[in-house]
Amino acid sequence: ESGGGLVQAGGSLRLSCTVSGGTFIRYGMAWFRQAPGK
């Protein structure tokens, strides 16, 4: 993954996830998130 960072409320970010070592087109992809203790 790449593209994270610090922004103010109302701002924008674009996260990227580059896949290597397989056949990417064959894979469904997803994003998850997690906070400490959750």
PDB file of all heavy atoms in Angstrom:
ATOM      1  N   GLU A   1       0.826  -1.199   0.000  1.00  0.00           N
ATOM      2  CA  GLU A   1       0.000   0.000   0.000  1.00  0.00           C
ATOM      3  C   GLU A   1       0.866   1.258   0.000  1.00  0.00           C
ATOM      4  O   GLU A   1       1.987   1.253   0.510  1.00  0.00           O
ATOM      5  CB  GLU A   1      -0.921   0.041   1.224  1.00  0.00           C
ATOM      6  CG  GLU A   1      -1.895  -1.112   1.327  1.00  0.00           C
ATOM      7  CD  GLU A   1      -1.469  -2.126   2.353  1.00  0.00           C
ATOM      8  OE1 GLU A   1      -0.244  -2.252   2.589  1.00  0.00           O
ATOM      9  OE2 GLU A   1      -2.346  -2.791   2.938  1.00  0.00           O
ATOM     10  N   SER A   2       0.303   2.338  -0.524  1.00  0.00           N
ATOM     11  CA  SER A   2       0.948   3.641  -0.479  1.00  0.00           C
ATOM     12  C   SER A   2      -0.124   4.717  -0.551  1.00  0.00           C
ATOM     13  O   SER A   2      -1.274   4.430  -0.874  1.00  0.00           O
ATOM     14  CB  SER A   2       1.962   3.812  -1.615  1.00  0.00           C
ATOM     15  OG  SER A   2       1.328   3.732  -2.879  1.00  0.00           O
ATOM     16  N   GLY A   3       0.250   5.958  -0.248  1.00  0.00           N
ATOM     17  CA  GLY A   3      -0.647   7.084  -0.416  1.00  0.00           C
ATOM     18  C   GLY A   3      -1.321   7.595   0.838  1.00  0.00           C
ATOM     19  O   GLY A   3      -2.115   8.539   0.767  1.00  0.00           O
ATOM     20  N   GLY A   4      -1.041   7.011   1.989  1.00  0.00           N
ATOM     21  CA  GLY A   4      -1.623   7.492   3.224  1.00  0.00           C
ATOM     22  C   GLY A   4      -0.980   8.790   3.682  1.00  0.00           C
ATOM     23  O   GLY A   4      -0.082   9.336   3.040  1.00  0.00           O
ATOM     24  N   GLY A   5      -1.464   9.298   4.815  1.00  0.00           N
ATOM     25  CA  GLY A   5      -0.904  10.515   5.354  1.00  0.00           C
ATOM     26  C   GLY A   5      -1.866  11.230   6.271  1.00  0.00           C
ATOM     27  O   GLY A   5      -2.857  10.657   6.732  1.00  0.00           O
ATOM     28  N   LEU A   6      -1.568  12.499   6.524  1.00  0.00           N
ATOM     29  CA  LEU A   6      -2.344  13.355   7.411  1.00  0.00           C
ATOM     30  C   LEU A   6      -3.046  14.431   6.600  1.00  0.00           C
ATOM     31  O   LEU A   6      -2.401  15.137   5.819  1.00  0.00           O
ATOM     32  CB  LEU A   6      -1.428  13.996   8.453  1.00  0.00           C
ATOM     33  CG  LEU A   6      -2.033  15.069   9.353  1.00  0.00           C
ATOM     34  CD1 LEU A   6      -3.105  14.462  10.247  1.00  0.00           C
ATOM     35  CD2 LEU A   6      -0.943  15.727  10.176  1.00  0.00           C
ATOM     36  N   VAL A   7      -4.359  14.543   6.775  1.00  0.00           N
ATOM     37  CA  VAL A   7      -5.137  15.573   6.096  1.00  0.00           C
ATOM     38  C   VAL A   7      -6.131  16.176   7.071  1.00  0.00           C
ATOM     39  O   VAL A   7      -6.466  15.582   8.097  1.00  0.00           O
ATOM     40  CB  VAL A   7      -5.892  15.028   4.866  1.00  0.00           C
ATOM     41  CG1 VAL A   7      -4.924  14.505   3.818  1.00  0.00           C
ATOM     42  CG2 VAL A   7      -6.872  13.942   5.283  1.00  0.00           C
ATOM     43  N   GLN A   8      -6.620  17.366   6.742  1.00  0.00           N
ATOM     44  CA  GLN A   8      -7.670  18.000   7.519  1.00  0.00           C
ATOM     45  C   GLN A   8      -9.031  17.459   7.106  1.00  0.00           C
ATOM     46  O   GLN A   8      -9.212  16.966   5.991  1.00  0.00           O
ATOM     47  CB  GLN A   8      -7.640  19.513   7.337  1.00  0.00           C
ATOM     48  CG  GLN A   8      -6.409  20.185   7.906  1.00  0.00           C
ATOM     49  CD  GLN A   8      -6.467  21.690   7.790  1.00  0.00           C
ATOM     50  OE1 GLN A   8      -7.281  22.241   7.058  1.00  0.00           O
ATOM     51  NE2 GLN A   8      -5.599  22.373   8.519  1.00  0.00           N
ATOM     52  N   ALA A   9      -9.984  17.536   8.016  1.00  0.00           N
ATOM     53  CA  ALA A   9     -11.342  17.127   7.701  1.00  0.00           C
ATOM     54  C   ALA A   9     -11.830  17.839   6.445  1.00  0.00           C
ATOM     55  O   ALA A   9     -11.612  19.039   6.270  1.00  0.00           O
ATOM     56  CB  ALA A   9     -12.270  17.420   8.876  1.00  0.00           C
ATOM     57  N   GLY A  10     -12.489  17.070   5.574  1.00  0.00           N
ATOM     58  CA  GLY A  10     -12.949  17.599   4.303  1.00  0.00           C
ATOM     59  C   GLY A  10     -11.974  17.398   3.166  1.00  0.00           C
ATOM     60  O   GLY A  10     -12.340  17.604   2.002  1.00  0.00           O
ATOM     61  N   GLY A  11     -10.759  16.989   3.464  1.00  0.00           N
ATOM     62  CA  GLY A  11      -9.750  16.774   2.451  1.00  0.00           C
ATOM     63  C   GLY A  11      -9.860  15.413   1.797  1.00  0.00           C
ATOM     64  O   GLY A  11     -10.770  14.635   2.077  1.00  0.00           O
ATOM     65  N   SER A  12      -8.888  15.120   0.923  1.00  0.00           N
ATOM     66  CA  SER A  12      -8.903  13.894   0.136  1.00  0.00           C
ATOM     67  C   SER A  12      -7.547  13.202   0.171  1.00  0.00           C
ATOM     68  O   SER A  12      -6.500  13.841   0.315  1.00  0.00           O
ATOM     69  CB  SER A  12      -9.259  14.191  -1.327  1.00  0.00           C
ATOM     70  OG  SER A  12     -10.556  14.746  -1.449  1.00  0.00           O
ATOM     71  N   LEU A  13      -7.583  11.893   0.025  1.00  0.00           N
ATOM     72  CA  LEU A  13      -6.404  11.067  -0.158  1.00  0.00           C
ATOM     73  C   LEU A  13      -6.746   9.966  -1.142  1.00  0.00           C
ATOM     74  O   LEU A  13      -7.904   9.556  -1.242  1.00  0.00           O
ATOM     75  CB  LEU A  13      -5.944  10.427   1.150  1.00  0.00           C
ATOM     76  CG  LEU A  13      -5.246  11.292   2.194  1.00  0.00           C
ATOM     77  CD1 LEU A  13      -5.051  10.482   3.474  1.00  0.00           C
ATOM     78  CD2 LEU A  13      -3.908  11.793   1.678  1.00  0.00           C
ATOM     79  N   ARG A  14      -5.734   9.478  -1.853  1.00  0.00           N
ATOM     80  CA  ARG A  14      -5.908   8.299  -2.690  1.00  0.00           C
ATOM     81  C   ARG A  14      -4.906   7.241  -2.278  1.00  0.00           C
ATOM     82  O   ARG A  14      -3.697   7.441  -2.392  1.00  0.00           O
ATOM     83  CB  ARG A  14      -5.742   8.613  -4.176  1.00  0.00           C
ATOM     84  CG  ARG A  14      -6.126   7.410  -5.053  1.00  0.00           C
ATOM     85  CD  ARG A  14      -6.050   7.690  -6.537  1.00  0.00           C
ATOM     86  NE  ARG A  14      -4.675   7.745  -7.024  1.00  0.00           N
ATOM     87  CZ  ARG A  14      -4.335   7.614  -8.295  1.00  0.00           C
ATOM     88  NH1 ARG A  14      -5.276   7.420  -9.222  1.00  0.00           N
ATOM     89  NH2 ARG A  14      -3.067   7.696  -8.648  1.00  0.00           N
ATOM     90  N   LEU A  15      -5.416   6.113  -1.797  1.00  0.00           N
ATOM     91  CA  LEU A  15      -4.584   4.986  -1.449  1.00  0.00           C
ATOM     92  C   LEU A  15      -4.377   4.101  -2.673  1.00  0.00           C
ATOM     93  O   LEU A  15      -5.286   3.919  -3.477  1.00  0.00           O
ATOM     94  CB  LEU A  15      -5.216   4.159  -0.336  1.00  0.00           C
ATOM     95  CG  LEU A  15      -5.571   4.891   0.958  1.00  0.00           C
ATOM     96  CD1 LEU A  15      -6.139   3.908   1.971  1.00  0.00           C
ATOM     97  CD2 LEU A  15      -4.365   5.622   1.520  1.00  0.00           C
ATOM     98  N   SER A  16      -3.179   3.543  -2.798  1.00  0.00           N
ATOM     99  CA  SER A  16      -2.858   2.618  -3.865  1.00  0.00           C
ATOM    100  C   SER A  16      -2.368   1.313  -3.269  1.00  0.00           C
ATOM    101  O   SER A  16      -1.725   1.302  -2.222  1.00  0.00           O
ATOM    102  CB  SER A  16      -1.773   3.184  -4.785  1.00  0.00           C
ATOM    103  OG  SER A  16      -2.182   4.388  -5.397  1.00  0.00           O
ATOM    104  N   CYS A  17      -2.664   0.228  -3.942  1.00  0.00           N
ATOM    105  CA  CYS A  17      -2.183  -1.087  -3.536  1.00  0.00           C
ATOM    106  C   CYS A  17      -1.717  -1.814  -4.780  1.00  0.00           C
ATOM    107  O   CYS A  17      -2.529  -2.134  -5.650  1.00  0.00           O
ATOM    108  CB  CYS A  17      -3.289  -1.870  -2.824  1.00  0.00           C
ATOM    109  SG  CYS A  17      -2.857  -3.574  -2.403  1.00  0.00           S
ATOM    110  N   THR A  18      -0.427  -2.068  -4.865  1.00  0.00           N
ATOM    111  CA  THR A  18       0.159  -2.734  -6.015  1.00  0.00           C
ATOM    112  C   THR A  18       0.417  -4.197  -5.690  1.00  0.00           C
ATOM    113  O   THR A  18       0.996  -4.514  -4.650  1.00  0.00           O
ATOM    114  CB  THR A  18       1.454  -2.048  -6.447  1.00  0.00           C
ATOM    115  OG1 THR A  18       1.174  -0.694  -6.813  1.00  0.00           O
ATOM    116  CG2 THR A  18       2.066  -2.754  -7.651  1.00  0.00           C
ATOM    117  N   VAL A  19      -0.002  -5.069  -6.584  1.00  0.00           N
ATOM    118  CA  VAL A  19       0.077  -6.517  -6.386  1.00  0.00           C
ATOM    119  C   VAL A  19       1.145  -7.090  -7.303  1.00  0.00           C
ATOM    120  O   VAL A  19       1.188  -6.775  -8.493  1.00  0.00           O
ATOM    121  CB  VAL A  19      -1.277  -7.184  -6.667  1.00  0.00           C
ATOM    122  CG1 VAL A  19      -1.181  -8.694  -6.487  1.00  0.00           C
ATOM    123  CG2 VAL A  19      -2.348  -6.597  -5.763  1.00  0.00           C
ATOM    124  N   SER A  20       1.995  -7.938  -6.764  1.00  0.00           N
ATOM    125  CA  SER A  20       3.028  -8.607  -7.544  1.00  0.00           C
ATOM    126  C   SER A  20       3.014 -10.096  -7.239  1.00  0.00           C
ATOM    127  O   SER A  20       2.505 -10.542  -6.212  1.00  0.00           O
ATOM    128  CB  SER A  20       4.411  -8.019  -7.253  1.00  0.00           C
ATOM    129  OG  SER A  20       4.769  -8.202  -5.894  1.00  0.00           O
ATOM    130  N   GLY A  21       3.571 -10.877  -8.153  1.00  0.00           N
ATOM    131  CA  GLY A  21       3.737 -12.303  -7.920  1.00  0.00           C
ATOM    132  C   GLY A  21       2.542 -13.176  -8.248  1.00  0.00           C
ATOM    133  O   GLY A  21       2.527 -14.348  -7.896  1.00  0.00           O
ATOM    134  N   GLY A  22       1.549 -12.637  -8.911  1.00  0.00           N
ATOM    135  CA  GLY A  22       0.365 -13.409  -9.263  1.00  0.00           C
ATOM    136  C   GLY A  22      -0.318 -12.844 -10.490  1.00  0.00           C
ATOM    137  O   GLY A  22       0.247 -12.029 -11.208  1.00  0.00           O
ATOM    138  N   THR A  23      -1.527 -13.299 -10.709  1.00  0.00           N
ATOM    139  CA  THR A  23      -2.329 -12.841 -11.837  1.00  0.00           C
ATOM    140  C   THR A  23      -3.404 -11.903 -11.305  1.00  0.00           C
ATOM    141  O   THR A  23      -4.509 -12.326 -10.948  1.00  0.00           O
ATOM    142  CB  THR A  23      -2.942 -14.030 -12.584  1.00  0.00           C
ATOM    143  OG1 THR A  23      -1.924 -14.967 -12.939  1.00  0.00           O
ATOM    144  CG2 THR A  23      -3.640 -13.552 -13.852  1.00  0.00           C
ATOM    145  N   PHE A  24      -3.092 -10.621 -11.262  1.00  0.00           N
ATOM    146  CA  PHE A  24      -3.927  -9.625 -10.604  1.00  0.00           C
ATOM    147  C   PHE A  24      -5.358  -9.618 -11.136  1.00  0.00           C
ATOM    148  O   PHE A  24      -6.309  -9.495 -10.356  1.00  0.00           O
ATOM    149  CB  PHE A  24      -3.287  -8.245 -10.762  1.00  0.00           C
ATOM    150  CG  PHE A  24      -4.109  -7.121 -10.219  1.00  0.00           C
ATOM    151  CD1 PHE A  24      -4.218  -6.908  -8.862  1.00  0.00           C
ATOM    152  CD2 PHE A  24      -4.770  -6.261 -11.085  1.00  0.00           C
ATOM    153  CE1 PHE A  24      -4.969  -5.872  -8.360  1.00  0.00           C
ATOM    154  CE2 PHE A  24      -5.523  -5.213 -10.596  1.00  0.00           C
ATOM    155  CZ  PHE A  24      -5.626  -5.013  -9.234  1.00  0.00           C
ATOM    156  N   ILE A  25      -5.518  -9.750 -12.438  1.00  0.00           N
ATOM    157  CA  ILE A  25      -6.833  -9.637 -13.043  1.00  0.00           C
ATOM    158  C   ILE A  25      -7.791 -10.724 -12.541  1.00  0.00           C
ATOM    159  O   ILE A  25      -9.016 -10.546 -12.590  1.00  0.00           O
ATOM    160  CB  ILE A  25      -6.724  -9.679 -14.586  1.00  0.00           C
ATOM    161  CG1 ILE A  25      -8.010  -9.190 -15.235  1.00  0.00           C
ATOM    162  CG2 ILE A  25      -6.363 -11.083 -15.056  1.00  0.00           C
ATOM    163  CD1 ILE A  25      -7.889  -8.995 -16.734  1.00  0.00           C
ATOM    164  N   ARG A  26      -7.253 -11.807 -12.008  1.00  0.00           N
ATOM    165  CA  ARG A  26      -8.079 -12.898 -11.518  1.00  0.00           C
ATOM    166  C   ARG A  26      -8.571 -12.687 -10.081  1.00  0.00           C
ATOM    167  O   ARG A  26      -9.386 -13.474  -9.587  1.00  0.00           O
ATOM    168  CB  ARG A  26      -7.314 -14.225 -11.565  1.00  0.00           C
ATOM    169  CG  ARG A  26      -6.885 -14.666 -12.960  1.00  0.00           C
ATOM    170  CD  ARG A  26      -8.083 -14.978 -13.847  1.00  0.00           C
ATOM    171  NE  ARG A  26      -8.993 -15.940 -13.222  1.00  0.00           N
ATOM    172  CZ  ARG A  26      -8.846 -17.253 -13.236  1.00  0.00           C
ATOM    173  NH1 ARG A  26      -7.801 -17.800 -13.874  1.00  0.00           N
ATOM    174  NH2 ARG A  26      -9.714 -18.038 -12.645  1.00  0.00           N
ATOM    175  N   TYR A  27      -8.104 -11.643  -9.408  1.00  0.00           N
ATOM    176  CA  TYR A  27      -8.386 -11.469  -7.988  1.00  0.00           C
ATOM    177  C   TYR A  27      -9.422 -10.389  -7.739  1.00  0.00           C
ATOM    178  O   TYR A  27      -9.304  -9.268  -8.240  1.00  0.00           O
ATOM    179  CB  TYR A  27      -7.116 -11.098  -7.220  1.00  0.00           C
ATOM    180  CG  TYR A  27      -5.924 -11.976  -7.467  1.00  0.00           C
ATOM    181  CD1 TYR A  27      -4.643 -11.449  -7.371  1.00  0.00           C
ATOM    182  CD2 TYR A  27      -6.066 -13.316  -7.789  1.00  0.00           C
ATOM    183  CE1 TYR A  27      -3.536 -12.251  -7.583  1.00  0.00           C
ATOM    184  CE2 TYR A  27      -4.962 -14.119  -8.012  1.00  0.00           C
ATOM    185  CZ  TYR A  27      -3.707 -13.580  -7.908  1.00  0.00           C
ATOM    186  OH  TYR A  27      -2.608 -14.371  -8.121  1.00  0.00           O
ATOM    187  N   GLY A  28     -10.443 -10.728  -6.948  1.00  0.00           N
ATOM    188  CA  GLY A  28     -11.228  -9.680  -6.327  1.00  0.00           C
ATOM    189  C   GLY A  28     -10.361  -8.964  -5.302  1.00  0.00           C
ATOM    190  O   GLY A  28      -9.493  -9.573  -4.676  1.00  0.00           O
ATOM    191  N   MET A  29     -10.586  -7.676  -5.124  1.00  0.00           N
ATOM    192  CA  MET A  29      -9.769  -6.874  -4.215  1.00  0.00           C
ATOM    193  C   MET A  29     -10.658  -6.113  -3.244  1.00  0.00           C
ATOM    194  O   MET A  29     -11.804  -5.775  -3.557  1.00  0.00           O
ATOM    195  CB  MET A  29      -8.897  -5.892  -4.991  1.00  0.00           C
ATOM    196  CG  MET A  29      -7.922  -6.536  -5.960  1.00  0.00           C
ATOM    197  SD  MET A  29      -6.635  -7.506  -5.131  1.00  0.00           S
ATOM    198  CE  MET A  29      -5.811  -6.229  -4.170  1.00  0.00           C
ATOM    199  N   ALA A  30     -10.114  -5.818  -2.068  1.00  0.00           N
ATOM    200  CA  ALA A  30     -10.869  -5.111  -1.049  1.00  0.00           C
ATOM    201  C   ALA A  30      -9.962  -4.236  -0.212  1.00  0.00           C
ATOM    202  O   ALA A  30      -8.743  -4.441  -0.150  1.00  0.00           O
ATOM    203  CB  ALA A  30     -11.618  -6.094  -0.148  1.00  0.00           C
ATOM    204  N   TRP A  31     -10.573  -3.251   0.442  1.00  0.00           N
ATOM    205  CA  TRP A  31      -9.923  -2.420   1.437  1.00  0.00           C
ATOM    206  C   TRP A  31     -10.602  -2.623   2.779  1.00  0.00           C
ATOM    207  O   TRP A  31     -11.835  -2.672   2.856  1.00  0.00           O
ATOM    208  CB  TRP A  31      -9.973  -0.936   1.057  1.00  0.00           C
ATOM    209  CG  TRP A  31      -9.088  -0.572  -0.092  1.00  0.00           C
ATOM    210  CD1 TRP A  31      -9.434  -0.509  -1.406  1.00  0.00           C
ATOM    211  CD2 TRP A  31      -7.709  -0.213  -0.017  1.00  0.00           C
ATOM    212  NE1 TRP A  31      -8.363  -0.129  -2.165  1.00  0.00           N
ATOM    213  CE2 TRP A  31      -7.279   0.059  -1.333  1.00  0.00           C
ATOM    214  CE3 TRP A  31      -6.792  -0.086   1.032  1.00  0.00           C
ATOM    215  CZ2 TRP A  31      -5.971   0.443  -1.628  1.00  0.00           C
ATOM    216  CZ3 TRP A  31      -5.494   0.291   0.739  1.00  0.00           C
ATOM    217  CH2 TRP A  31      -5.101   0.550  -0.581  1.00  0.00           C
ATOM    218  N   PHE A  32      -9.787  -2.732   3.819  1.00  0.00           N
ATOM    219  CA  PHE A  32     -10.231  -2.825   5.196  1.00  0.00           C
ATOM    220  C   PHE A  32      -9.552  -1.725   6.003  1.00  0.00           C
ATOM    221  O   PHE A  32      -8.578  -1.139   5.559  1.00  0.00           O
ATOM    222  CB  PHE A  32      -9.886  -4.189   5.802  1.00  0.00           C
ATOM    223  CG  PHE A  32     -10.606  -5.354   5.194  1.00  0.00           C
ATOM    224  CD1 PHE A  32     -10.239  -5.845   3.950  1.00  0.00           C
ATOM    225  CD2 PHE A  32     -11.639  -5.976   5.869  1.00  0.00           C
ATOM    226  CE1 PHE A  32     -10.886  -6.924   3.386  1.00  0.00           C
ATOM    227  CE2 PHE A  32     -12.299  -7.060   5.322  1.00  0.00           C
ATOM    228  CZ  PHE A  32     -11.925  -7.531   4.082  1.00  0.00           C
ATOM    229  N   ARG A  33     -10.048  -1.477   7.207  1.00  0.00           N
ATOM    230  CA  ARG A  33      -9.390  -0.525   8.101  1.00  0.00           C
ATOM    231  C   ARG A  33      -9.517  -1.002   9.542  1.00  0.00           C
ATOM    232  O   ARG A  33     -10.424  -1.750   9.886  1.00  0.00           O
ATOM    233  CB  ARG A  33      -9.954   0.885   7.935  1.00  0.00           C
ATOM    234  CG  ARG A  33     -11.423   1.033   8.278  1.00  0.00           C
ATOM    235  CD  ARG A  33     -11.907   2.424   7.882  1.00  0.00           C
ATOM    236  NE  ARG A  33     -13.299   2.635   8.220  1.00  0.00           N
ATOM    237  CZ  ARG A  33     -13.978   3.728   7.900  1.00  0.00           C
ATOM    238  NH1 ARG A  33     -13.389   4.716   7.218  1.00  0.00           N
ATOM    239  NH2 ARG A  33     -15.258   3.840   8.252  1.00  0.00           N
ATOM    240  N   GLN A  34      -8.592  -0.534  10.382  1.00  0.00           N
ATOM    241  CA  GLN A  34      -8.553  -0.986  11.762  1.00  0.00           C
ATOM    242  C   GLN A  34      -7.930   0.077  12.650  1.00  0.00           C
ATOM    243  O   GLN A  34      -6.880   0.628  12.325  1.00  0.00           O
ATOM    244  CB  GLN A  34      -7.765  -2.289  11.885  1.00  0.00           C
ATOM    245  CG  GLN A  34      -7.795  -2.917  13.260  1.00  0.00           C
ATOM    246  CD  GLN A  34      -7.136  -4.279  13.272  1.00  0.00           C
ATOM    247  OE1 GLN A  34      -6.240  -4.556  12.476  1.00  0.00           O
ATOM    248  NE2 GLN A  34      -7.576  -5.143  14.167  1.00  0.00           N
ATOM    249  N   ALA A  35      -8.579   0.347  13.779  1.00  0.00           N
ATOM    250  CA  ALA A  35      -8.063   1.245  14.795  1.00  0.00           C
ATOM    251  C   ALA A  35      -7.556   0.415  15.969  1.00  0.00           C
ATOM    252  O   ALA A  35      -8.015  -0.708  16.184  1.00  0.00           O
ATOM    253  CB  ALA A  35      -9.148   2.211  15.259  1.00  0.00           C
ATOM    254  N   PRO A  36      -6.616   0.953  16.765  1.00  0.00           N
ATOM    255  CA  PRO A  36      -6.113   0.212  17.917  1.00  0.00           C
ATOM    256  C   PRO A  36      -7.232  -0.226  18.851  1.00  0.00           C
ATOM    257  O   PRO A  36      -8.112   0.563  19.192  1.00  0.00           O
ATOM    258  CB  PRO A  36      -5.175   1.211  18.599  1.00  0.00           C
ATOM    259  CG  PRO A  36      -4.736   2.113  17.495  1.00  0.00           C
ATOM    260  CD  PRO A  36      -5.938   2.246  16.597  1.00  0.00           C
ATOM    261  N   GLY A  37      -7.209  -1.490  19.249  1.00  0.00           N
ATOM    262  CA  GLY A  37      -8.203  -2.017  20.160  1.00  0.00           C
ATOM    263  C   GLY A  37      -9.534  -2.373  19.531  1.00  0.00           C
ATOM    264  O   GLY A  37     -10.449  -2.788  20.245  1.00  0.00           O
ATOM    265  N   LYS A  38      -9.654  -2.214  18.218  1.00  0.00           N
ATOM    266  CA  LYS A  38     -10.900  -2.514  17.531  1.00  0.00           C
ATOM    267  C   LYS A  38     -10.684  -3.602  16.487  1.00  0.00           C
ATOM    268  O   LYS A  38      -9.560  -3.863  16.059  1.00  0.00           O
ATOM    269  CB  LYS A  38     -11.465  -1.259  16.866  1.00  0.00           C
ATOM    270  CG  LYS A  38     -11.824  -0.148  17.832  1.00  0.00           C
ATOM    271  CD  LYS A  38     -12.436   1.035  17.110  1.00  0.00           C
ATOM    272  CE  LYS A  38     -12.804   2.140  18.072  1.00  0.00           C
ATOM    273  NZ  LYS A  38     -13.383   3.311  17.361  1.00  0.00           N
TER     274      LYS A  38
END
